[in-house]
């Protein structure tokens, strides 16, 4: 991991970084794999009077054995505004994605007659979320508290779900057998 941070007075804070996770897997049900998850990112925060704005971008890759994938950058943009003492309005929009885990792609297992099947062609899931909220702090005697009202919307594409199904295997196989497998659902 490497991170550089610089404050431009009290007005702007900037962070830029790079990271990599290297891994080895040795497992009877998953096989032997090695890979990397590299990423580059930048984040900034602007503080001006009663307004805070922050945002960032992150680009990430994934290497598993000889397969290398890069996905679109993800971002975030948020704002927090103090409308008067102890009263805040905030808004946020962010995007995200997740590469399938090694287990979701490669696990093959038989559990009391129910098979867990691999799915090496599963796609990464991606999505976004938006939020709008209001927060009010209060004090009653020595008791400090707040209430926070928020509404949000979240959507995913290619969401990964562990799905139950049945399959037919011709003789000398077992015929119809139940299974679980990680699969992409179109939209959630």
Protein backbone atom coordinates (compact mmCIF):
# COMPACT_ATOMS: atom_id res chain seq x y z
CA UNK A 1 0.00 0.00 0.00
CA UNK A 2 1.13 3.51 -0.74
CA UNK A 3 -0.79 6.68 0.13
CA UNK A 4 0.09 10.32 -0.34
CA UNK A 5 -1.96 12.95 1.49
CA UNK A 6 -1.69 16.69 1.30
CA UNK A 7 -3.80 19.37 2.99
CA UNK A 8 -4.15 22.66 1.17
CA UNK A 9 -4.75 24.68 4.31
CA UNK A 10 -8.12 23.93 5.90
CA UNK A 11 -9.95 24.25 2.57
CA UNK A 12 -8.93 21.09 0.63
CA UNK A 13 -7.60 17.67 1.62
CA UNK A 14 -6.27 15.38 -1.13
CA UNK A 15 -5.33 11.68 -0.91
CA UNK A 16 -3.86 9.62 -3.74
CA UNK A 17 -2.85 6.01 -3.41
CA UNK A 18 -2.03 2.63 -4.88
CA UNK A 19 -2.52 -0.79 -3.39
CA UNK A 20 -2.11 -4.44 -4.34
CA UNK A 21 -3.23 -7.64 -2.65
CA UNK A 22 -1.34 -10.74 -3.78
CA UNK A 23 -2.77 -14.14 -2.86
CA UNK A 24 -2.19 -17.87 -3.17
CA UNK A 25 -4.93 -20.47 -2.78
CA UNK A 26 -4.28 -24.16 -2.04
CA UNK A 27 -7.59 -25.91 -1.37
CA UNK A 28 -9.04 -29.35 -2.14
CA UNK A 29 -12.40 -27.96 -3.36
CA UNK A 30 -11.10 -24.78 -5.06
CA UNK A 31 -7.84 -26.01 -6.55
CA UNK A 32 -4.58 -24.07 -6.70
CA UNK A 33 -4.67 -20.44 -7.80
CA UNK A 34 -2.69 -17.26 -7.42
CA UNK A 35 -3.50 -13.70 -8.25
CA UNK A 36 -3.41 -9.98 -7.60
CA UNK A 37 -5.91 -7.20 -6.96
CA UNK A 38 -4.21 -3.89 -7.87
CA UNK A 39 -5.95 -0.52 -7.48
CA UNK A 40 -5.27 3.19 -7.93
CA UNK A 41 -7.40 5.82 -6.20
CA UNK A 42 -7.78 9.53 -5.54
CA UNK A 43 -10.02 11.30 -3.00
CA UNK A 44 -10.58 14.96 -2.26
CA UNK A 45 -12.54 16.88 0.37
CA UNK A 46 -13.49 20.56 0.21
CA UNK A 47 -14.55 22.35 3.43
CA UNK A 48 -15.98 25.83 3.02
CA UNK A 49 -17.99 27.49 5.79
CA UNK A 50 -21.10 25.28 6.22
CA UNK A 51 -20.47 23.10 3.17
CA UNK A 52 -18.39 19.93 2.81
CA UNK A 53 -18.00 18.29 -0.61
CA UNK A 54 -16.06 15.08 -1.08
CA UNK A 55 -15.44 12.84 -4.04
CA UNK A 56 -13.18 10.19 -5.35
CA UNK A 57 -12.32 7.75 -8.12
CA UNK A 58 -10.95 4.21 -7.92
CA UNK A 59 -9.73 1.93 -10.69
CA UNK A 60 -9.23 -1.73 -9.89
CA UNK A 61 -7.97 -4.81 -11.66
CA UNK A 62 -8.01 -8.52 -10.98
CA UNK A 63 -5.58 -11.23 -12.04
CA UNK A 64 -6.41 -14.84 -11.34
CA UNK A 65 -3.82 -17.30 -12.66
CA UNK A 66 -3.30 -16.05 -16.27
CA UNK A 67 -6.62 -14.25 -16.64
CA UNK A 68 -6.45 -10.46 -16.24
CA UNK A 69 -9.52 -8.22 -15.98
CA UNK A 70 -9.92 -4.50 -15.47
CA UNK A 71 -13.24 -2.92 -14.76
CA UNK A 72 -14.56 0.58 -15.25
CA UNK A 73 -13.52 3.08 -12.58
CA UNK A 74 -15.93 3.64 -9.73
CA UNK A 75 -16.63 6.99 -8.16
CA UNK A 76 -18.28 8.81 -5.32
CA UNK A 77 -19.58 12.35 -4.89
CA UNK A 78 -21.10 13.62 -1.67
CA UNK A 79 -22.10 16.86 -0.01
CA UNK A 80 -23.03 17.83 3.56
CA UNK A 81 -24.59 21.23 4.21
CA UNK A 82 -25.27 22.75 7.64
CA UNK A 83 -28.51 24.65 7.05
CA UNK A 84 -28.48 26.07 10.60
CA UNK A 85 -27.00 25.11 13.95
CA UNK A 86 -27.48 21.36 14.61
CA UNK A 87 -29.32 20.83 11.27
CA UNK A 88 -27.66 19.11 8.31
CA UNK A 89 -28.72 17.99 4.83
CA UNK A 90 -26.57 15.49 2.96
CA UNK A 91 -26.57 13.91 -0.47
CA UNK A 92 -24.40 11.15 -1.86
CA UNK A 93 -23.99 9.21 -5.10
CA UNK A 94 -21.55 6.35 -5.50
CA UNK A 95 -20.86 3.45 -7.83
CA UNK A 96 -19.29 0.08 -7.10
CA UNK A 97 -18.39 -3.31 -8.49
CA UNK A 98 -17.24 -6.64 -7.12
CA UNK A 99 -15.28 -9.37 -8.84
CA UNK A 100 -16.63 -12.88 -8.15
CA UNK A 101 -14.79 -14.75 -5.41
CA UNK A 102 -12.71 -17.83 -6.14
CA UNK A 103 -15.37 -19.94 -4.39
CA UNK A 104 -18.15 -18.49 -6.58
CA UNK A 105 -16.17 -19.41 -9.70
CA UNK A 106 -14.46 -22.71 -8.86
CA UNK A 107 -15.95 -24.56 -5.88
CA UNK A 108 -17.16 -28.06 -6.77
CA UNK A 109 -18.53 -30.10 -3.91
CA UNK A 110 -21.08 -32.79 -3.14
CA UNK A 111 -23.02 -32.25 0.08
CA UNK A 112 -25.29 -35.23 0.89
CA UNK A 113 -26.43 -35.61 -2.72
CA UNK A 114 -26.75 -31.90 -3.46
CA UNK A 115 -23.99 -30.67 -5.72
CA UNK A 116 -22.35 -27.27 -5.53
CA UNK A 117 -21.22 -26.47 -9.06
CA UNK A 118 -18.54 -24.07 -10.30
CA UNK A 119 -19.31 -21.15 -12.63
CA UNK A 120 -16.03 -19.99 -14.24
CA UNK A 121 -17.97 -17.66 -16.62
CA UNK A 122 -19.67 -15.59 -13.88
CA UNK A 123 -19.37 -11.82 -14.44
CA UNK A 124 -18.51 -9.11 -11.90
CA UNK A 125 -21.46 -7.34 -10.31
CA UNK A 126 -21.73 -3.57 -10.51
CA UNK A 127 -24.13 -0.97 -9.22
CA UNK A 128 -24.80 2.45 -7.83
CA UNK A 129 -26.55 4.05 -4.88
CA UNK A 130 -27.95 7.51 -4.21
CA UNK A 131 -28.87 8.96 -0.81
CA UNK A 132 -30.55 12.09 0.53
CA UNK A 133 -30.71 12.69 4.28
CA UNK A 134 -31.50 15.13 7.08
CA UNK A 135 -29.84 15.02 10.51
CA UNK A 136 -30.87 17.00 13.60
CA UNK A 137 -28.80 17.04 16.79
CA UNK A 138 -30.35 18.00 20.13
CA UNK A 139 -29.51 18.34 23.81
CA UNK A 140 -31.82 17.85 26.79
CA UNK A 141 -29.94 18.61 29.98
CA UNK A 142 -26.75 16.52 29.83
CA UNK A 143 -28.27 14.13 27.29
CA UNK A 144 -26.99 14.54 23.71
CA UNK A 145 -28.73 12.85 20.80
CA UNK A 146 -29.76 13.11 17.18
CA UNK A 147 -32.23 11.75 14.72
CA UNK A 148 -31.39 10.98 11.15
CA UNK A 149 -33.93 10.62 8.33
CA UNK A 150 -32.67 9.24 5.03
CA UNK A 151 -33.97 7.91 1.75
CA UNK A 152 -31.83 5.95 -0.67
CA UNK A 153 -32.00 4.01 -3.92
CA UNK A 154 -29.68 1.19 -4.93
CA UNK A 155 -29.38 -0.78 -8.18
CA UNK A 156 -27.17 -3.68 -9.28
CA UNK A 157 -26.36 -5.21 -12.65
CA UNK A 158 -25.16 -8.83 -12.86
CA UNK A 159 -25.75 -9.26 -9.13
CA UNK A 160 -24.31 -12.58 -7.95
CA UNK A 161 -26.74 -14.93 -6.23
CA UNK A 162 -26.25 -18.46 -4.90
CA UNK A 163 -29.06 -20.20 -6.82
CA UNK A 164 -30.81 -23.58 -6.41
CA UNK A 165 -31.69 -25.65 -9.49
CA UNK A 166 -31.97 -29.13 -10.93
CA UNK A 167 -30.13 -30.72 -13.84
CA UNK A 168 -30.44 -33.90 -15.82
CA UNK A 169 -27.41 -36.12 -16.28
CA UNK A 170 -27.78 -39.01 -18.72
CA UNK A 171 -26.99 -42.57 -17.58
CA UNK A 172 -24.76 -43.79 -16.09
CA UNK A 173 -25.22 -40.48 -14.15
CA UNK A 174 -27.79 -40.03 -11.40
CA UNK A 175 -30.54 -38.69 -13.73
CA UNK A 176 -32.13 -35.57 -12.22
CA UNK A 177 -30.03 -34.07 -9.45
CA UNK A 178 -30.32 -30.89 -7.30
CA UNK A 179 -27.53 -28.33 -7.26
CA UNK A 180 -26.49 -24.88 -6.06
CA UNK A 181 -24.43 -22.52 -8.22
CA UNK A 182 -23.43 -18.85 -8.12
CA UNK A 183 -25.15 -17.09 -11.02
CA UNK A 184 -25.68 -13.56 -12.28
CA UNK A 185 -29.21 -12.16 -12.04
CA UNK A 186 -30.00 -9.53 -14.65
CA UNK A 187 -30.87 -6.57 -12.41
CA UNK A 188 -31.67 -5.95 -8.76
